[in-house]
Amino acid sequence: MRYYYYDSPRFDIGDMLGKTFKNVINDNDDRVVFTEENGDQYIFYHIQDCCESVTVRDIVGHLSDLIGSPLLEAEERSNSGHTTYGSETWTFYKFGTIKGHVNISWIGESNGYYSESVDHILVKAGSDENP
């Protein structure tokens, strides 16, 4: 399934610090959605194009540890390189609450001409784009 969030602003990972989420889901390795009590959603995803793929590769920890307690840690790191096919970019997110830590790894692969990055946008509650 494709999701398009045309009017939703990007956010910095640090904007999530101190937020308490009522739900955190991995949607078929295409999106990770953090939902606040007020319905605002912090969404990690990528609009796929022709010759690329960006998906969740691995989640270490339990997403449930990120629910019901304020987020005390939110970090992003990435690493890029070349492959036989083209290029790849690994993006690593580390989230933590008092209940535990979760590491989410994304892999982006392309022929080298397309984006391999993870997009993160904030969809406000009541927005037409809020799924």
Protein backbone atom coordinates (compact mmCIF):
# COMPACT_ATOMS: atom_id res chain seq x y z
CA MET A 1 0.00 0.00 0.00
CA ARG A 2 1.30 3.49 -0.81
CA TYR A 3 0.90 6.44 1.50
CA TYR A 4 1.30 10.04 0.40
CA TYR A 5 1.57 12.82 2.93
CA TYR A 6 1.73 15.96 0.81
CA ASP A 7 0.79 18.59 3.38
CA SER A 8 2.43 17.07 6.44
CA PRO A 9 5.56 18.71 7.83
CA ARG A 10 8.80 16.87 8.43
CA PHE A 11 10.04 16.73 12.00
CA ASP A 12 13.40 16.34 13.67
CA ILE A 13 13.90 13.20 15.72
CA GLY A 14 14.57 15.33 18.80
CA ASP A 15 10.99 16.66 18.54
CA MET A 16 9.81 13.28 19.83
CA LEU A 17 11.66 13.59 23.14
CA GLY A 18 9.29 13.85 26.10
CA LYS A 19 6.29 12.67 24.06
CA THR A 20 4.19 9.80 25.39
CA PHE A 21 2.71 7.46 22.81
CA LYS A 22 -0.45 5.38 23.09
CA ASN A 23 0.51 3.17 20.15
CA VAL A 24 3.60 2.30 18.10
CA ILE A 25 3.24 -0.03 15.12
CA ASN A 26 5.37 -1.50 12.37
CA ASP A 27 3.07 -1.46 9.34
CA ASN A 28 4.31 -4.32 7.14
CA ASP A 29 7.92 -2.99 7.23
CA ASP A 30 6.80 -0.01 5.07
CA ARG A 31 5.97 2.44 7.88
CA VAL A 32 6.54 2.83 11.58
CA VAL A 33 3.83 4.94 13.21
CA PHE A 34 4.02 6.52 16.68
CA THR A 35 0.60 7.80 17.83
CA GLU A 36 0.18 10.25 20.71
CA GLU A 37 -2.89 10.34 22.99
CA ASN A 38 -4.17 13.40 21.09
CA GLY A 39 -4.03 11.47 17.80
CA ASP A 40 -0.94 13.18 16.32
CA GLN A 41 1.19 10.68 14.41
CA TYR A 42 4.95 10.65 13.91
CA ILE A 43 5.37 8.54 10.78
CA PHE A 44 8.55 7.01 9.38
CA TYR A 45 8.15 5.84 5.78
CA HIS A 46 9.43 6.25 2.22
CA ILE A 47 7.56 6.89 -1.00
CA GLN A 48 8.91 4.15 -3.26
CA ASP A 49 9.99 5.08 -6.75
CA CYS A 50 11.10 3.14 -9.81
CA CYS A 51 14.45 1.62 -8.97
CA GLU A 52 14.63 1.73 -5.19
CA SER A 53 13.45 0.06 -2.03
CA VAL A 54 13.42 1.42 1.53
CA THR A 55 12.04 -0.87 4.23
CA VAL A 56 12.42 -1.83 7.86
CA ARG A 57 15.05 -4.57 8.01
CA ASP A 58 15.13 -5.28 11.75
CA ILE A 59 13.60 -4.24 15.07
CA VAL A 60 15.52 -5.08 18.23
CA GLY A 61 13.47 -4.69 21.39
CA HIS A 62 9.75 -4.47 21.95
CA LEU A 63 7.72 -1.62 20.47
CA SER A 64 5.45 -1.94 23.51
CA ASP A 65 8.31 -0.53 25.63
CA LEU A 66 7.74 2.79 23.82
CA ILE A 67 4.08 3.01 24.89
CA GLY A 68 2.79 4.78 27.98
CA SER A 69 6.08 6.36 29.16
CA PRO A 70 7.76 9.55 27.95
CA LEU A 71 10.40 9.09 25.26
CA LEU A 72 13.79 9.78 26.88
CA GLU A 73 15.96 8.88 23.90
CA ALA A 74 15.51 9.42 20.17
CA GLU A 75 18.54 9.16 17.88
CA GLU A 76 19.14 8.72 14.15
CA ARG A 77 22.32 7.52 12.44
CA SER A 78 22.96 6.47 8.86
CA ASN A 79 25.65 4.78 6.82
CA SER A 80 25.93 4.59 3.01
CA GLY A 81 27.93 2.47 0.62
CA HIS A 82 28.14 0.99 -2.86
CA THR A 83 26.97 -2.46 -3.89
CA THR A 84 27.18 -4.50 -7.08
CA TYR A 85 23.68 -3.27 -7.97
CA GLY A 86 24.20 0.39 -7.08
CA SER A 87 24.09 1.78 -3.57
CA GLU A 88 22.56 1.24 -0.17
CA THR A 89 21.88 3.35 2.88
CA TRP A 90 21.31 1.96 6.36
CA THR A 91 19.38 4.21 8.74
CA PHE A 92 19.32 3.34 12.42
CA TYR A 93 16.88 4.74 14.97
CA LYS A 94 17.31 4.26 18.71
CA PHE A 95 14.35 5.04 20.96
CA GLY A 96 14.17 4.62 24.71
CA THR A 97 11.84 5.07 27.64
CA ILE A 98 12.22 4.08 31.27
CA LYS A 99 10.73 0.71 30.22
CA GLY A 100 13.41 -0.15 27.64
CA HIS A 101 15.15 0.59 24.36
CA VAL A 102 14.19 -0.21 20.77
CA ASN A 103 16.48 -0.10 17.75
CA ILE A 104 14.87 0.08 14.31
CA SER A 105 17.07 -0.51 11.25
CA TRP A 106 15.98 0.53 7.77
CA ILE A 107 17.72 -0.46 4.53
CA GLY A 108 17.47 1.66 1.42
CA GLU A 109 18.72 0.23 -1.88
CA SER A 110 18.76 1.75 -5.34
CA ASN A 111 20.64 1.92 -8.61
CA GLY A 112 22.35 5.01 -7.21
CA TYR A 113 20.07 7.62 -8.77
CA TYR A 114 17.16 7.48 -6.33
CA SER A 115 16.66 8.38 -2.69
CA GLU A 116 17.39 5.71 -0.10
CA SER A 117 16.44 7.79 2.92
CA VAL A 118 13.68 7.37 5.46
CA ASP A 119 11.17 10.21 5.56
CA HIS A 120 9.63 11.29 8.85
CA ILE A 121 6.57 13.46 8.95
CA LEU A 122 4.11 14.65 11.56
CA VAL A 123 0.45 14.16 10.73
CA LYS A 124 -1.72 16.21 13.07
CA ALA A 125 -4.92 14.72 14.48
CA GLY A 126 -7.92 15.64 12.36
CA SER A 127 -5.81 16.16 9.23
CA ASP A 128 -7.24 14.80 5.99
CA GLU A 129 -4.03 12.81 5.64
CA ASN A 130 -4.29 11.07 9.02
CA PRO A 131 -4.86 7.39 8.15
